[in-house]
Amino acid sequence: MEELVYQQAVRRKIKVPSAKIAARVRQARSQYALEEQFREAVLEAAGSERRWREQIRRALMVELLWNQQVMAP
């Protein structure tokens, strides 16, 4: 289901501001006491920080579209 919503977000040219991605990264990073713990978690989750950031961008695209379509009055 999420993949279909993502594809719709791409078709609608939903863009995620880099500030939103950075905020999500800061939020995730703040959950770890040590930078090394954070990096290990990122590598385990996505294999690289670049792929992890891409996952965040995709998730935010889905979230933005969802909010526009479902949550809007």
N, C-alpha and C. Protein backbone atom coordinates (compact mmCIF):
# COMPACT_ATOMS: atom_id res chain seq x y z
N MET A 1 0.82 -1.19 0.00
CA MET A 1 0.00 0.00 0.00
C MET A 1 0.87 1.27 0.00
N GLU A 2 1.90 1.26 0.83
CA GLU A 2 2.76 2.44 0.91
C GLU A 2 3.44 2.71 -0.42
N GLU A 3 3.82 1.66 -1.13
CA GLU A 3 4.47 1.84 -2.44
C GLU A 3 3.51 2.52 -3.42
N LEU A 4 2.25 2.15 -3.39
CA LEU A 4 1.27 2.77 -4.28
C LEU A 4 1.08 4.24 -3.95
N VAL A 5 1.04 4.56 -2.66
CA VAL A 5 0.91 5.95 -2.25
C VAL A 5 2.16 6.73 -2.66
N TYR A 6 3.34 6.11 -2.51
CA TYR A 6 4.58 6.75 -2.94
C TYR A 6 4.54 7.03 -4.45
N GLN A 7 4.11 6.06 -5.24
CA GLN A 7 4.03 6.25 -6.68
C GLN A 7 3.09 7.40 -7.03
N GLN A 8 1.99 7.50 -6.30
CA GLN A 8 1.06 8.61 -6.50
C GLN A 8 1.72 9.94 -6.14
N ALA A 9 2.50 9.95 -5.07
CA ALA A 9 3.22 11.17 -4.67
C ALA A 9 4.20 11.58 -5.75
N VAL A 10 4.86 10.63 -6.37
CA VAL A 10 5.80 10.93 -7.46
C VAL A 10 5.03 11.52 -8.64
N ARG A 11 3.91 10.90 -8.99
CA ARG A 11 3.10 11.41 -10.10
C ARG A 11 2.62 12.85 -9.84
N ARG A 12 2.33 13.14 -8.58
CA ARG A 12 1.85 14.47 -8.23
C ARG A 12 3.00 15.46 -7.96
N LYS A 13 4.21 14.95 -8.15
CA LYS A 13 5.41 15.78 -7.97
C LYS A 13 5.51 16.38 -6.56
N ILE A 14 5.18 15.57 -5.56
CA ILE A 14 5.31 15.99 -4.17
C ILE A 14 6.80 16.14 -3.86
N LYS A 15 7.17 17.26 -3.36
CA LYS A 15 8.57 17.53 -2.99
C LYS A 15 8.67 17.66 -1.48
N VAL A 16 9.74 17.12 -0.94
CA VAL A 16 9.99 17.22 0.50
C VAL A 16 11.11 18.21 0.70
N PRO A 17 10.85 19.28 1.42
CA PRO A 17 11.92 20.25 1.69
C PRO A 17 13.08 19.59 2.45
N SER A 18 14.28 19.96 2.10
CA SER A 18 15.45 19.37 2.76
C SER A 18 15.42 19.64 4.26
N ALA A 19 14.80 20.73 4.67
CA ALA A 19 14.70 21.04 6.10
C ALA A 19 13.87 19.99 6.84
N LYS A 20 12.85 19.45 6.18
CA LYS A 20 12.03 18.40 6.81
C LYS A 20 12.84 17.12 6.97
N ILE A 21 13.64 16.80 5.96
CA ILE A 21 14.50 15.61 6.04
C ILE A 21 15.52 15.80 7.16
N ALA A 22 16.14 16.97 7.21
CA ALA A 22 17.14 17.25 8.24
C ALA A 22 16.52 17.17 9.64
N ALA A 23 15.31 17.66 9.78
CA ALA A 23 14.64 17.61 11.08
C ALA A 23 14.38 16.16 11.49
N ARG A 24 13.98 15.33 10.54
CA ARG A 24 13.72 13.91 10.85
C ARG A 24 15.03 13.20 11.22
N VAL A 25 16.12 13.56 10.54
CA VAL A 25 17.43 12.98 10.86
C VAL A 25 17.84 13.40 12.27
N ARG A 26 17.68 14.68 12.60
CA ARG A 26 18.02 15.16 13.95
C ARG A 26 17.19 14.44 15.01
N GLN A 27 15.92 14.26 14.72
CA GLN A 27 15.04 13.57 15.66
C GLN A 27 15.53 12.14 15.90
N ALA A 28 15.87 11.45 14.83
CA ALA A 28 16.37 10.07 14.97
C ALA A 28 17.71 10.04 15.71
N ARG A 29 18.59 10.96 15.35
CA ARG A 29 19.92 11.01 15.97
C ARG A 29 19.82 11.29 17.46
N SER A 30 18.85 12.08 17.88
CA SER A 30 18.72 12.44 19.29
C SER A 30 18.33 11.25 20.17
N GLN A 31 17.90 10.17 19.56
CA GLN A 31 17.50 8.99 20.32
C GLN A 31 18.69 8.13 20.75
N TYR A 32 19.88 8.51 20.30
CA TYR A 32 21.09 7.74 20.62
C TYR A 32 22.06 8.60 21.42
N ALA A 33 22.64 7.99 22.44
CA ALA A 33 23.59 8.71 23.29
C ALA A 33 24.92 8.94 22.56
N LEU A 34 25.31 7.99 21.72
CA LEU A 34 26.59 8.08 21.03
C LEU A 34 26.38 8.08 19.52
N GLU A 35 27.20 8.85 18.83
CA GLU A 35 27.13 8.91 17.37
C GLU A 35 27.37 7.53 16.76
N GLU A 36 28.27 6.77 17.34
CA GLU A 36 28.56 5.43 16.81
C GLU A 36 27.32 4.53 16.89
N GLN A 37 26.56 4.63 17.95
CA GLN A 37 25.32 3.84 18.07
C GLN A 37 24.34 4.23 16.96
N PHE A 38 24.25 5.51 16.71
CA PHE A 38 23.37 6.01 15.65
C PHE A 38 23.81 5.46 14.30
N ARG A 39 25.08 5.57 13.99
CA ARG A 39 25.59 5.09 12.70
C ARG A 39 25.36 3.59 12.53
N GLU A 40 25.58 2.83 13.58
CA GLU A 40 25.33 1.38 13.52
C GLU A 40 23.86 1.09 13.23
N ALA A 41 22.97 1.83 13.87
CA ALA A 41 21.54 1.63 13.66
C ALA A 41 21.16 1.98 12.21
N VAL A 42 21.72 3.04 11.69
CA VAL A 42 21.45 3.43 10.31
C VAL A 42 21.94 2.36 9.34
N LEU A 43 23.15 1.88 9.56
CA LEU A 43 23.70 0.84 8.68
C LEU A 43 22.88 -0.43 8.75
N GLU A 44 22.44 -0.77 9.93
CA GLU A 44 21.61 -1.98 10.09
C GLU A 44 20.25 -1.81 9.40
N ALA A 45 19.69 -0.62 9.48
CA ALA A 45 18.36 -0.38 8.91
C ALA A 45 18.38 -0.25 7.39
N ALA A 46 19.43 0.38 6.85
CA ALA A 46 19.39 0.70 5.42
C ALA A 46 20.66 0.37 4.65
N GLY A 47 21.71 0.01 5.33
CA GLY A 47 22.95 -0.32 4.63
C GLY A 47 23.90 0.86 4.45
N SER A 48 23.34 2.06 4.33
CA SER A 48 24.16 3.27 4.22
C SER A 48 23.31 4.46 4.64
N GLU A 49 23.98 5.53 5.00
CA GLU A 49 23.25 6.73 5.40
C GLU A 49 22.50 7.33 4.21
N ARG A 50 23.07 7.23 3.03
CA ARG A 50 22.42 7.75 1.83
C ARG A 50 21.09 7.02 1.58
N ARG A 51 21.11 5.69 1.67
CA ARG A 51 19.87 4.93 1.49
C ARG A 51 18.87 5.23 2.59
N TRP A 52 19.37 5.41 3.80
CA TRP A 52 18.50 5.73 4.93
C TRP A 52 17.80 7.06 4.72
N ARG A 53 18.56 8.07 4.26
CA ARG A 53 17.97 9.38 3.97
C ARG A 53 16.93 9.27 2.85
N GLU A 54 17.20 8.44 1.87
CA GLU A 54 16.23 8.23 0.80
C GLU A 54 14.95 7.60 1.35
N GLN A 55 15.08 6.66 2.27
CA GLN A 55 13.91 6.07 2.92
C GLN A 55 13.12 7.14 3.67
N ILE A 56 13.81 8.05 4.32
CA ILE A 56 13.15 9.14 5.04
C ILE A 56 12.41 10.03 4.04
N ARG A 57 13.07 10.37 2.94
CA ARG A 57 12.45 11.22 1.93
C ARG A 57 11.17 10.57 1.38
N ARG A 58 11.25 9.28 1.07
CA ARG A 58 10.08 8.56 0.56
C ARG A 58 8.96 8.56 1.59
N ALA A 59 9.30 8.28 2.83
CA ALA A 59 8.29 8.25 3.89
C ALA A 59 7.62 9.61 4.06
N LEU A 60 8.40 10.66 3.97
CA LEU A 60 7.84 12.00 4.09
C LEU A 60 6.96 12.35 2.89
N MET A 61 7.34 11.89 1.71
CA MET A 61 6.48 12.10 0.54
C MET A 61 5.12 11.45 0.75
N VAL A 62 5.14 10.22 1.24
CA VAL A 62 3.89 9.51 1.51
C VAL A 62 3.08 10.26 2.56
N GLU A 63 3.76 10.70 3.61
CA GLU A 63 3.09 11.43 4.68
C GLU A 63 2.46 12.72 4.17
N LEU A 64 3.19 13.46 3.35
CA LEU A 64 2.67 14.72 2.81
C LEU A 64 1.45 14.47 1.92
N LEU A 65 1.53 13.47 1.05
CA LEU A 65 0.38 13.17 0.19
C LEU A 65 -0.80 12.71 1.03
N TRP A 66 -0.53 11.85 1.99
CA TRP A 66 -1.60 11.36 2.87
C TRP A 66 -2.30 12.54 3.55
N ASN A 67 -1.52 13.45 4.08
CA ASN A 67 -2.09 14.62 4.77
C ASN A 67 -2.91 15.49 3.81
N GLN A 68 -2.43 15.61 2.58
CA GLN A 68 -3.16 16.41 1.60
C GLN A 68 -4.48 15.75 1.19
N GLN A 69 -4.46 14.44 1.02
CA GLN A 69 -5.62 13.74 0.50
C GLN A 69 -6.63 13.31 1.57
N VAL A 70 -6.12 12.84 2.68
CA VAL A 70 -7.00 12.24 3.70
C VAL A 70 -7.33 13.21 4.82
N MET A 71 -6.34 13.96 5.25
CA MET A 71 -6.51 14.79 6.41
C MET A 71 -7.06 16.19 6.07
N ALA A 72 -7.00 16.56 4.81
CA ALA A 72 -7.48 17.89 4.42
C ALA A 72 -9.00 17.94 4.52
N PRO A 73 -9.53 19.09 4.93
CA PRO A 73 -10.99 19.21 5.06
C PRO A 73 -11.69 19.18 3.72
